[in-house]
Full PDB file with SEQRES, HELIX, SHEET, SSBOND, CRYST1, ORIGX, SCALE, CONECT and MASTER records, all heavy atoms in Angstrom:
SEQRES   1 A   38  CYS LYS LYS ILE HIS GLY LEU LYS LEU GLY THR CYS PRO          
SEQRES   2 A   38  GLY GLY GLU MET GLU TYR TRP THR LEU PRO GLU SER LEU          
SEQRES   3 A   38  PRO GLY HIS SER ASP CYS GLY SER ILE CYS VAL ARG              
SHEET    1 AA1 2 TYR A  19  LEU A  22  0                                        
SHEET    2 AA1 2 SER A  34  VAL A  37 -1                                        
CRYST1    1.000    1.000    1.000  90.00  90.00  90.00 P 1           1          
ORIGX1      1.000000  0.000000  0.000000        0.00000                         
ORIGX2      0.000000  1.000000  0.000000        0.00000                         
ORIGX3      0.000000  0.000000  1.000000        0.00000                         
SCALE1      1.000000  0.000000  0.000000        0.00000                         
SCALE2      0.000000  1.000000  0.000000        0.00000                         
SCALE3      0.000000  0.000000  1.000000        0.00000                         
ATOM      1  N   CYS A   1      18.731 -10.535 -14.225  1.00  0.00           N  
ATOM      2  CA  CYS A   1      18.631 -10.437 -12.744  1.00  0.00           C  
ATOM      3  C   CYS A   1      17.556  -9.478 -12.279  1.00  0.00           C  
ATOM      4  O   CYS A   1      17.335  -9.348 -11.068  1.00  0.00           O  
ATOM      5  CB  CYS A   1      19.986 -10.013 -12.176  1.00  0.00           C  
ATOM      6  SG  CYS A   1      20.440  -8.310 -12.608  1.00  0.00           S  
ATOM      7  N   LYS A   2      16.881  -8.776 -13.225  1.00  0.00           N  
ATOM      8  CA  LYS A   2      15.802  -7.841 -12.929  1.00  0.00           C  
ATOM      9  C   LYS A   2      16.280  -6.529 -12.293  1.00  0.00           C  
ATOM     10  O   LYS A   2      15.456  -5.718 -11.839  1.00  0.00           O  
ATOM     11  CB  LYS A   2      14.721  -8.489 -12.042  1.00  0.00           C  
ATOM     12  CG  LYS A   2      14.170  -9.805 -12.559  1.00  0.00           C  
ATOM     13  CD  LYS A   2      13.649  -9.690 -13.963  1.00  0.00           C  
ATOM     14  CE  LYS A   2      13.115 -11.018 -14.478  1.00  0.00           C  
ATOM     15  NZ  LYS A   2      12.676 -10.920 -15.883  1.00  0.00           N  
ATOM     16  N   LYS A   3      17.563  -6.295 -12.242  1.00  0.00           N  
ATOM     17  CA  LYS A   3      18.087  -5.045 -11.688  1.00  0.00           C  
ATOM     18  C   LYS A   3      17.648  -3.892 -12.589  1.00  0.00           C  
ATOM     19  O   LYS A   3      17.782  -3.975 -13.815  1.00  0.00           O  
ATOM     20  CB  LYS A   3      19.612  -5.079 -11.619  1.00  0.00           C  
ATOM     21  CG  LYS A   3      20.248  -3.808 -11.065  1.00  0.00           C  
ATOM     22  CD  LYS A   3      19.995  -3.614  -9.593  1.00  0.00           C  
ATOM     23  CE  LYS A   3      20.750  -2.432  -9.037  1.00  0.00           C  
ATOM     24  NZ  LYS A   3      20.448  -2.204  -7.611  1.00  0.00           N  
ATOM     25  N   ILE A   4      17.092  -2.859 -11.978  1.00  0.00           N  
ATOM     26  CA  ILE A   4      16.601  -1.719 -12.775  1.00  0.00           C  
ATOM     27  C   ILE A   4      17.685  -0.621 -12.853  1.00  0.00           C  
ATOM     28  O   ILE A   4      18.240  -0.225 -11.844  1.00  0.00           O  
ATOM     29  CB  ILE A   4      15.309  -1.146 -12.147  1.00  0.00           C  
ATOM     30  CG1 ILE A   4      14.194  -2.193 -12.234  1.00  0.00           C  
ATOM     31  CG2 ILE A   4      14.899   0.146 -12.810  1.00  0.00           C  
ATOM     32  CD1 ILE A   4      12.933  -1.817 -11.515  1.00  0.00           C  
ATOM     33  N   HIS A   5      17.920  -0.205 -14.059  1.00  0.00           N  
ATOM     34  CA  HIS A   5      18.869   0.890 -14.336  1.00  0.00           C  
ATOM     35  C   HIS A   5      18.039   2.121 -14.670  1.00  0.00           C  
ATOM     36  O   HIS A   5      17.356   2.140 -15.682  1.00  0.00           O  
ATOM     37  CB  HIS A   5      19.781   0.526 -15.486  1.00  0.00           C  
ATOM     38  CG  HIS A   5      20.646  -0.663 -15.241  1.00  0.00           C  
ATOM     39  ND1 HIS A   5      20.137  -1.935 -15.034  1.00  0.00           N  
ATOM     40  CD2 HIS A   5      21.997  -0.782 -15.079  1.00  0.00           C  
ATOM     41  CE1 HIS A   5      21.131  -2.802 -14.805  1.00  0.00           C  
ATOM     42  NE2 HIS A   5      22.280  -2.110 -14.850  1.00  0.00           N  
ATOM     43  N   GLY A   6      18.089   3.129 -13.813  1.00  0.00           N  
ATOM     44  CA  GLY A   6      17.268   4.324 -14.025  1.00  0.00           C  
ATOM     45  C   GLY A   6      16.000   4.240 -13.179  1.00  0.00           C  
ATOM     46  O   GLY A   6      15.838   3.359 -12.339  1.00  0.00           O  
ATOM     47  N   LEU A   7      15.066   5.140 -13.443  1.00  0.00           N  
ATOM     48  CA  LEU A   7      13.827   5.221 -12.707  1.00  0.00           C  
ATOM     49  C   LEU A   7      12.698   4.625 -13.517  1.00  0.00           C  
ATOM     50  O   LEU A   7      12.314   5.141 -14.545  1.00  0.00           O  
ATOM     51  CB  LEU A   7      13.515   6.686 -12.370  1.00  0.00           C  
ATOM     52  CG  LEU A   7      12.257   6.938 -11.532  1.00  0.00           C  
ATOM     53  CD1 LEU A   7      12.389   6.334 -10.134  1.00  0.00           C  
ATOM     54  CD2 LEU A   7      11.967   8.430 -11.440  1.00  0.00           C  
ATOM     55  N   LYS A   8      12.192   3.462 -13.060  1.00  0.00           N  
ATOM     56  CA  LYS A   8      11.143   2.773 -13.784  1.00  0.00           C  
ATOM     57  C   LYS A   8       9.791   3.445 -13.542  1.00  0.00           C  
ATOM     58  O   LYS A   8       9.398   3.657 -12.374  1.00  0.00           O  
ATOM     59  CB  LYS A   8      11.083   1.306 -13.372  1.00  0.00           C  
ATOM     60  CG  LYS A   8      10.030   0.508 -14.116  1.00  0.00           C  
ATOM     61  CD  LYS A   8      10.061  -0.939 -13.685  1.00  0.00           C  
ATOM     62  CE  LYS A   8       8.999  -1.773 -14.438  1.00  0.00           C  
ATOM     63  NZ  LYS A   8       9.019  -3.202 -14.042  1.00  0.00           N  
ATOM     64  N   LEU A   9       9.090   3.778 -14.601  1.00  0.00           N  
ATOM     65  CA  LEU A   9       7.742   4.368 -14.516  1.00  0.00           C  
ATOM     66  C   LEU A   9       6.768   3.442 -15.207  1.00  0.00           C  
ATOM     67  O   LEU A   9       7.105   2.728 -16.143  1.00  0.00           O  
ATOM     68  CB  LEU A   9       7.740   5.752 -15.193  1.00  0.00           C  
ATOM     69  CG  LEU A   9       8.711   6.788 -14.630  1.00  0.00           C  
ATOM     70  CD1 LEU A   9       8.648   8.066 -15.460  1.00  0.00           C  
ATOM     71  CD2 LEU A   9       8.439   7.107 -13.168  1.00  0.00           C  
ATOM     72  N   GLY A  10       5.528   3.473 -14.720  1.00  0.00           N  
ATOM     73  CA  GLY A  10       4.480   2.636 -15.295  1.00  0.00           C  
ATOM     74  C   GLY A  10       3.528   3.414 -16.175  1.00  0.00           C  
ATOM     75  O   GLY A  10       3.786   4.598 -16.536  1.00  0.00           O  
ATOM     76  N   THR A  11       2.409   2.807 -16.504  1.00  0.00           N  
ATOM     77  CA  THR A  11       1.421   3.445 -17.387  1.00  0.00           C  
ATOM     78  C   THR A  11       0.023   3.452 -16.787  1.00  0.00           C  
ATOM     79  O   THR A  11      -0.948   3.502 -17.514  1.00  0.00           O  
ATOM     80  CB  THR A  11       1.405   2.664 -18.735  1.00  0.00           C  
ATOM     81  OG1 THR A  11       1.053   1.296 -18.507  1.00  0.00           O  
ATOM     82  CG2 THR A  11       2.762   2.735 -19.424  1.00  0.00           C  
ATOM     83  N   CYS A  12      -0.057   3.372 -15.485  1.00  0.00           N  
ATOM     84  CA  CYS A  12      -1.355   3.371 -14.810  1.00  0.00           C  
ATOM     85  C   CYS A  12      -2.113   4.660 -15.141  1.00  0.00           C  
ATOM     86  O   CYS A  12      -1.541   5.752 -15.032  1.00  0.00           O  
ATOM     87  CB  CYS A  12      -1.175   3.235 -13.301  1.00  0.00           C  
ATOM     88  SG  CYS A  12      -2.721   3.348 -12.366  1.00  0.00           S  
ATOM     89  N   PRO A  13      -3.393   4.573 -15.541  1.00  0.00           N  
ATOM     90  CA  PRO A  13      -4.167   5.795 -15.745  1.00  0.00           C  
ATOM     91  C   PRO A  13      -4.336   6.569 -14.424  1.00  0.00           C  
ATOM     92  O   PRO A  13      -4.140   6.036 -13.363  1.00  0.00           O  
ATOM     93  CB  PRO A  13      -5.536   5.242 -16.226  1.00  0.00           C  
ATOM     94  CG  PRO A  13      -5.266   3.861 -16.687  1.00  0.00           C  
ATOM     95  CD  PRO A  13      -4.153   3.351 -15.843  1.00  0.00           C  
ATOM     96  N   GLY A  14      -4.652   7.849 -14.584  1.00  0.00           N  
ATOM     97  CA  GLY A  14      -4.826   8.707 -13.426  1.00  0.00           C  
ATOM     98  C   GLY A  14      -5.997   8.275 -12.527  1.00  0.00           C  
ATOM     99  O   GLY A  14      -6.946   7.675 -13.002  1.00  0.00           O  
ATOM    100  N   GLY A  15      -5.886   8.610 -11.242  1.00  0.00           N  
ATOM    101  CA  GLY A  15      -6.929   8.258 -10.300  1.00  0.00           C  
ATOM    102  C   GLY A  15      -6.589   8.807  -8.940  1.00  0.00           C  
ATOM    103  O   GLY A  15      -5.763   9.711  -8.827  1.00  0.00           O  
ATOM    104  N   GLU A  16      -7.167   8.238  -7.912  1.00  0.00           N  
ATOM    105  CA  GLU A  16      -6.910   8.696  -6.537  1.00  0.00           C  
ATOM    106  C   GLU A  16      -6.491   7.494  -5.688  1.00  0.00           C  
ATOM    107  O   GLU A  16      -7.029   6.398  -5.818  1.00  0.00           O  
ATOM    108  CB  GLU A  16      -8.157   9.320  -5.914  1.00  0.00           C  
ATOM    109  CG  GLU A  16      -8.693  10.543  -6.656  1.00  0.00           C  
ATOM    110  CD  GLU A  16      -9.598  10.232  -7.809  1.00  0.00           C  
ATOM    111  OE1 GLU A  16     -10.394   9.281  -7.675  1.00  0.00           O  
ATOM    112  OE2 GLU A  16      -9.516  10.906  -8.863  1.00  0.00           O  
ATOM    113  N   MET A  17      -5.555   7.758  -4.769  1.00  0.00           N  
ATOM    114  CA  MET A  17      -5.171   6.862  -3.736  1.00  0.00           C  
ATOM    115  C   MET A  17      -5.364   7.522  -2.397  1.00  0.00           C  
ATOM    116  O   MET A  17      -4.953   8.673  -2.238  1.00  0.00           O  
ATOM    117  CB  MET A  17      -3.699   6.419  -3.890  1.00  0.00           C  
ATOM    118  CG  MET A  17      -3.149   5.595  -2.745  1.00  0.00           C  
ATOM    119  SD  MET A  17      -1.348   5.324  -2.869  1.00  0.00           S  
ATOM    120  CE  MET A  17      -1.079   4.278  -1.411  1.00  0.00           C  
ATOM    121  N   GLU A  18      -6.033   6.868  -1.463  1.00  0.00           N  
ATOM    122  CA  GLU A  18      -6.200   7.411  -0.132  1.00  0.00           C  
ATOM    123  C   GLU A  18      -6.030   6.280   0.888  1.00  0.00           C  
ATOM    124  O   GLU A  18      -6.107   5.116   0.560  1.00  0.00           O  
ATOM    125  CB  GLU A  18      -7.570   8.091   0.039  1.00  0.00           C  
ATOM    126  CG  GLU A  18      -8.723   7.186  -0.285  1.00  0.00           C  
ATOM    127  CD  GLU A  18     -10.056   7.907  -0.250  1.00  0.00           C  
ATOM    128  OE1 GLU A  18     -10.140   8.999   0.401  1.00  0.00           O  
ATOM    129  OE2 GLU A  18     -11.061   7.430  -0.834  1.00  0.00           O  
ATOM    130  N   TYR A  19      -5.751   6.667   2.137  1.00  0.00           N  
ATOM    131  CA  TYR A  19      -5.543   5.667   3.168  1.00  0.00           C  
ATOM    132  C   TYR A  19      -5.941   6.237   4.532  1.00  0.00           C  
ATOM    133  O   TYR A  19      -5.939   7.452   4.741  1.00  0.00           O  
ATOM    134  CB  TYR A  19      -4.104   5.166   3.173  1.00  0.00           C  
ATOM    135  CG  TYR A  19      -3.083   6.278   3.292  1.00  0.00           C  
ATOM    136  CD1 TYR A  19      -2.595   6.717   4.502  1.00  0.00           C  
ATOM    137  CD2 TYR A  19      -2.592   6.917   2.147  1.00  0.00           C  
ATOM    138  CE1 TYR A  19      -1.666   7.745   4.602  1.00  0.00           C  
ATOM    139  CE2 TYR A  19      -1.671   7.939   2.218  1.00  0.00           C  
ATOM    140  CZ  TYR A  19      -1.236   8.369   3.462  1.00  0.00           C  
ATOM    141  OH  TYR A  19      -0.320   9.379   3.547  1.00  0.00           O  
ATOM    142  N   TRP A  20      -6.283   5.372   5.437  1.00  0.00           N  
ATOM    143  CA  TRP A  20      -6.650   5.793   6.800  1.00  0.00           C  
ATOM    144  C   TRP A  20      -6.439   4.591   7.746  1.00  0.00           C  
ATOM    145  O   TRP A  20      -6.245   3.471   7.290  1.00  0.00           O  
ATOM    146  CB  TRP A  20      -8.094   6.279   6.848  1.00  0.00           C  
ATOM    147  CG  TRP A  20      -9.119   5.272   6.421  1.00  0.00           C  
ATOM    148  CD1 TRP A  20      -9.770   4.353   7.187  1.00  0.00           C  
ATOM    149  CD2 TRP A  20      -9.610   5.063   5.092  1.00  0.00           C  
ATOM    150  NE1 TRP A  20     -10.643   3.611   6.435  1.00  0.00           N  
ATOM    151  CE2 TRP A  20     -10.545   4.029   5.129  1.00  0.00           C  
ATOM    152  CE3 TRP A  20      -9.327   5.665   3.823  1.00  0.00           C  
ATOM    153  CZ2 TRP A  20     -11.225   3.561   4.001  1.00  0.00           C  
ATOM    154  CZ3 TRP A  20     -10.002   5.204   2.715  1.00  0.00           C  
ATOM    155  CH2 TRP A  20     -10.944   4.167   2.792  1.00  0.00           C  
ATOM    156  N   THR A  21      -6.408   4.891   9.028  1.00  0.00           N  
ATOM    157  CA  THR A  21      -6.186   3.850  10.012  1.00  0.00           C  
ATOM    158  C   THR A  21      -7.509   3.385  10.607  1.00  0.00           C  
ATOM    159  O   THR A  21      -8.519   4.133  10.625  1.00  0.00           O  
ATOM    160  CB  THR A  21      -5.278   4.333  11.153  1.00  0.00           C  
ATOM    161  OG1 THR A  21      -5.884   5.501  11.773  1.00  0.00           O  
ATOM    162  CG2 THR A  21      -3.906   4.693  10.617  1.00  0.00           C  
ATOM    163  N   LEU A  22      -7.537   2.143  11.034  1.00  0.00           N  
ATOM    164  CA  LEU A  22      -8.683   1.527  11.662  1.00  0.00           C  
ATOM    165  C   LEU A  22      -8.277   0.977  13.030  1.00  0.00           C  
ATOM    166  O   LEU A  22      -7.115   0.470  13.165  1.00  0.00           O  
ATOM    167  CB  LEU A  22      -9.238   0.396  10.819  1.00  0.00           C  
ATOM    168  CG  LEU A  22      -9.723   0.752   9.394  1.00  0.00           C  
ATOM    169  CD1 LEU A  22      -9.992  -0.521   8.616  1.00  0.00           C  
ATOM    170  CD2 LEU A  22     -10.994   1.601   9.486  1.00  0.00           C  
ATOM    171  N   PRO A  23      -9.119   1.032  14.044  1.00  0.00           N  
ATOM    172  CA  PRO A  23      -8.733   0.511  15.359  1.00  0.00           C  
ATOM    173  C   PRO A  23      -8.754  -1.006  15.425  1.00  0.00           C  
ATOM    174  O   PRO A  23      -8.048  -1.609  16.258  1.00  0.00           O  
ATOM    175  CB  PRO A  23      -9.811   1.081  16.321  1.00  0.00           C  
ATOM    176  CG  PRO A  23     -10.999   1.350  15.428  1.00  0.00           C  
ATOM    177  CD  PRO A  23     -10.448   1.716  14.096  1.00  0.00           C  
ATOM    178  N   GLU A  24      -9.464  -1.669  14.487  1.00  0.00           N  
ATOM    179  CA  GLU A  24      -9.546  -3.129  14.515  1.00  0.00           C  
ATOM    180  C   GLU A  24      -8.236  -3.750  14.043  1.00  0.00           C  
ATOM    181  O   GLU A  24      -7.555  -3.230  13.204  1.00  0.00           O  
ATOM    182  CB  GLU A  24     -10.686  -3.604  13.606  1.00  0.00           C  
ATOM    183  CG  GLU A  24     -12.053  -3.191  14.076  1.00  0.00           C  
ATOM    184  CD  GLU A  24     -12.461  -1.802  13.619  1.00  0.00           C  
ATOM    185  OE1 GLU A  24     -11.656  -1.190  12.883  1.00  0.00           O  
ATOM    186  OE2 GLU A  24     -13.574  -1.337  13.968  1.00  0.00           O  
ATOM    187  N   SER A  25      -7.934  -4.911  14.611  1.00  0.00           N  
ATOM    188  CA  SER A  25      -6.708  -5.622  14.273  1.00  0.00           C  
ATOM    189  C   SER A  25      -6.963  -6.631  13.157  1.00  0.00           C  
ATOM    190  O   SER A  25      -8.077  -7.154  13.010  1.00  0.00           O  
ATOM    191  CB  SER A  25      -6.174  -6.392  15.511  1.00  0.00           C  
ATOM    192  OG  SER A  25      -5.816  -5.502  16.518  1.00  0.00           O  
ATOM    193  N   LEU A  26      -5.931  -6.887  12.384  1.00  0.00           N  
ATOM    194  CA  LEU A  26      -5.988  -7.942  11.370  1.00  0.00           C  
ATOM    195  C   LEU A  26      -5.581  -9.287  12.018  1.00  0.00           C  
ATOM    196  O   LEU A  26      -4.765  -9.292  12.921  1.00  0.00           O  
ATOM    197  CB  LEU A  26      -4.989  -7.612  10.244  1.00  0.00           C  
ATOM    198  CG  LEU A  26      -5.359  -6.394   9.392  1.00  0.00           C  
ATOM    199  CD1 LEU A  26      -4.129  -5.924   8.603  1.00  0.00           C  
ATOM    200  CD2 LEU A  26      -6.490  -6.729   8.429  1.00  0.00           C  
ATOM    201  N   PRO A  27      -6.149 -10.379  11.542  1.00  0.00           N  
ATOM    202  CA  PRO A  27      -5.742 -11.688  12.052  1.00  0.00           C  
ATOM    203  C   PRO A  27      -4.240 -11.882  11.933  1.00  0.00           C  
ATOM    204  O   PRO A  27      -3.651 -11.640  10.866  1.00  0.00           O  
ATOM    205  CB  PRO A  27      -6.478 -12.678  11.144  1.00  0.00           C  
ATOM    206  CG  PRO A  27      -7.705 -11.904  10.682  1.00  0.00           C  
ATOM    207  CD  PRO A  27      -7.239 -10.505  10.530  1.00  0.00           C  
ATOM    208  N   GLY A  28      -3.583 -12.249  13.028  1.00  0.00           N  
ATOM    209  CA  GLY A  28      -2.156 -12.415  13.032  1.00  0.00           C  
ATOM    210  C   GLY A  28      -1.415 -11.157  13.464  1.00  0.00           C  
ATOM    211  O   GLY A  28      -0.193 -11.202  13.635  1.00  0.00           O  
ATOM    212  N   HIS A  29      -2.125 -10.068  13.660  1.00  0.00           N  
ATOM    213  CA  HIS A  29      -1.527  -8.795  14.092  1.00  0.00           C  
ATOM    214  C   HIS A  29      -2.360  -8.196  15.207  1.00  0.00           C  
ATOM    215  O   HIS A  29      -2.772  -7.025  15.105  1.00  0.00           O  
ATOM    216  CB  HIS A  29      -1.390  -7.834  12.907  1.00  0.00           C  
ATOM    217  CG  HIS A  29      -0.457  -8.292  11.825  1.00  0.00           C  
ATOM    218  ND1 HIS A  29       0.899  -8.157  11.893  1.00  0.00           N  
ATOM    219  CD2 HIS A  29      -0.725  -8.918  10.675  1.00  0.00           C  
ATOM    220  CE1 HIS A  29       1.476  -8.671  10.807  1.00  0.00           C  
ATOM    221  NE2 HIS A  29       0.511  -9.102  10.030  1.00  0.00           N  
ATOM    222  N   SER A  30      -2.560  -8.964  16.252  1.00  0.00           N  
ATOM    223  CA  SER A  30      -3.468  -8.538  17.350  1.00  0.00           C  
ATOM    224  C   SER A  30      -2.880  -7.412  18.181  1.00  0.00           C  
ATOM    225  O   SER A  30      -3.584  -6.816  19.003  1.00  0.00           O  
ATOM    226  CB  SER A  30      -3.780  -9.758  18.251  1.00  0.00           C  
ATOM    227  OG  SER A  30      -2.590 -10.289  18.792  1.00  0.00           O  
ATOM    228  N   ASP A  31      -1.573  -7.114  17.996  1.00  0.00           N  
ATOM    229  CA  ASP A  31      -0.933  -6.092  18.821  1.00  0.00           C  
ATOM    230  C   ASP A  31      -1.030  -4.677  18.264  1.00  0.00           C  
ATOM    231  O   ASP A  31      -0.438  -3.755  18.779  1.00  0.00           O  
ATOM    232  CB  ASP A  31       0.565  -6.465  18.995  1.00  0.00           C  
ATOM    233  CG  ASP A  31       1.290  -6.585  17.673  1.00  0.00           C  
ATOM    234  OD1 ASP A  31       0.614  -6.790  16.662  1.00  0.00           O  
ATOM    235  OD2 ASP A  31       2.518  -6.488  17.653  1.00  0.00           O  
ATOM    236  N   CYS A  32      -1.772  -4.509  17.126  1.00  0.00           N  
ATOM    237  CA  CYS A  32      -1.877  -3.183  16.548  1.00  0.00           C  
ATOM    238  C   CYS A  32      -3.164  -3.069  15.743  1.00  0.00           C  
ATOM    239  O   CYS A  32      -3.857  -4.059  15.498  1.00  0.00           O  
ATOM    240  CB  CYS A  32      -0.664  -2.910  15.616  1.00  0.00           C  
ATOM    241  SG  CYS A  32      -0.573  -3.994  14.174  1.00  0.00           S  
ATOM    242  N   GLY A  33      -3.507  -1.835  15.400  1.00  0.00           N  
ATOM    243  CA  GLY A  33      -4.649  -1.593  14.539  1.00  0.00           C  
ATOM    244  C   GLY A  33      -4.283  -1.884  13.065  1.00  0.00           C  
ATOM    245  O   GLY A  33      -3.298  -2.616  12.799  1.00  0.00           O  
ATOM    246  N   SER A  34      -4.977  -1.330  12.134  1.00  0.00           N  
ATOM    247  CA  SER A  34      -4.748  -1.639  10.732  1.00  0.00           C  
ATOM    248  C   SER A  34      -4.858  -0.385   9.897  1.00  0.00           C  
ATOM    249  O   SER A  34      -5.281   0.672  10.342  1.00  0.00           O  
ATOM    250  CB  SER A  34      -5.763  -2.693  10.246  1.00  0.00           C  
ATOM    251  OG  SER A  34      -7.086  -2.257  10.477  1.00  0.00           O  
ATOM    252  N   ILE A  35      -4.398  -0.515   8.655  1.00  0.00           N  
ATOM    253  CA  ILE A  35      -4.424   0.567   7.676  1.00  0.00           C  
ATOM    254  C   ILE A  35      -5.245   0.078   6.496  1.00  0.00           C  
ATOM    255  O   ILE A  35      -5.066  -1.023   5.989  1.00  0.00           O  
ATOM    256  CB  ILE A  35      -3.011   0.902   7.205  1.00  0.00           C  
ATOM    257  CG1 ILE A  35      -2.131   1.321   8.391  1.00  0.00           C  
ATOM    258  CG2 ILE A  35      -3.036   2.013   6.154  1.00  0.00           C  
ATOM    259  CD1 ILE A  35      -0.645   1.400   8.036  1.00  0.00           C  
ATOM    260  N   CYS A  36      -6.145   0.945   6.019  1.00  0.00           N  
ATOM    261  CA  CYS A  36      -6.913   0.659   4.799  1.00  0.00           C  
ATOM    262  C   CYS A  36      -6.417   1.570   3.707  1.00  0.00           C  
ATOM    263  O   CYS A  36      -6.291   2.770   3.885  1.00  0.00           O  
ATOM    264  CB  CYS A  36      -8.413   0.899   5.059  1.00  0.00           C  
ATOM    265  SG  CYS A  36      -9.451   0.597   3.601  1.00  0.00           S  
ATOM    266  N   VAL A  37      -6.089   0.982   2.556  1.00  0.00           N  
ATOM    267  CA  VAL A  37      -5.647   1.717   1.373  1.00  0.00           C  
ATOM    268  C   VAL A  37      -6.688   1.575   0.278  1.00  0.00           C  
ATOM    269  O   VAL A  37      -7.113   0.432  -0.017  1.00  0.00           O  
ATOM    270  CB  VAL A  37      -4.285   1.202   0.882  1.00  0.00           C  
ATOM    271  CG1 VAL A  37      -3.742   2.084  -0.234  1.00  0.00           C  
ATOM    272  CG2 VAL A  37      -3.282   1.095   2.023  1.00  0.00           C  
ATOM    273  N   ARG A  38      -7.095   2.681  -0.298  1.00  0.00           N  
ATOM    274  CA  ARG A  38      -8.193   2.630  -1.304  1.00  0.00           C  
ATOM    275  C   ARG A  38      -7.706   3.318  -2.588  1.00  0.00           C  
ATOM    276  O   ARG A  38      -7.146   4.409  -2.525  1.00  0.00           O  
ATOM    277  CB  ARG A  38      -9.427   3.336  -0.776  1.00  0.00           C  
ATOM    278  CG  ARG A  38     -10.615   3.390  -1.726  1.00  0.00           C  
ATOM    279  CD  ARG A  38     -11.773   4.113  -1.029  1.00  0.00           C  
ATOM    280  NE  ARG A  38     -12.980   4.181  -1.851  1.00  0.00           N  
ATOM    281  CZ  ARG A  38     -13.260   5.185  -2.660  1.00  0.00           C  
ATOM    282  NH1 ARG A  38     -12.394   6.191  -2.805  1.00  0.00           N  
ATOM    283  NH2 ARG A  38     -14.364   5.184  -3.384  1.00  0.00           N  
TER     284      ARG A  38                                                      
MASTER        0    0    0    0    2    0    0    6  283    1    0    3          
END                                                                             
């Protein structure tokens, strides 16, 4: 059933994650701006 018992951790190498907001809207979401994740 894919139920996880305990805290599942991965093996992704180290790096950076950052994010910021943009005033432009995404198609289908004209009522708000957007978020970029890098």
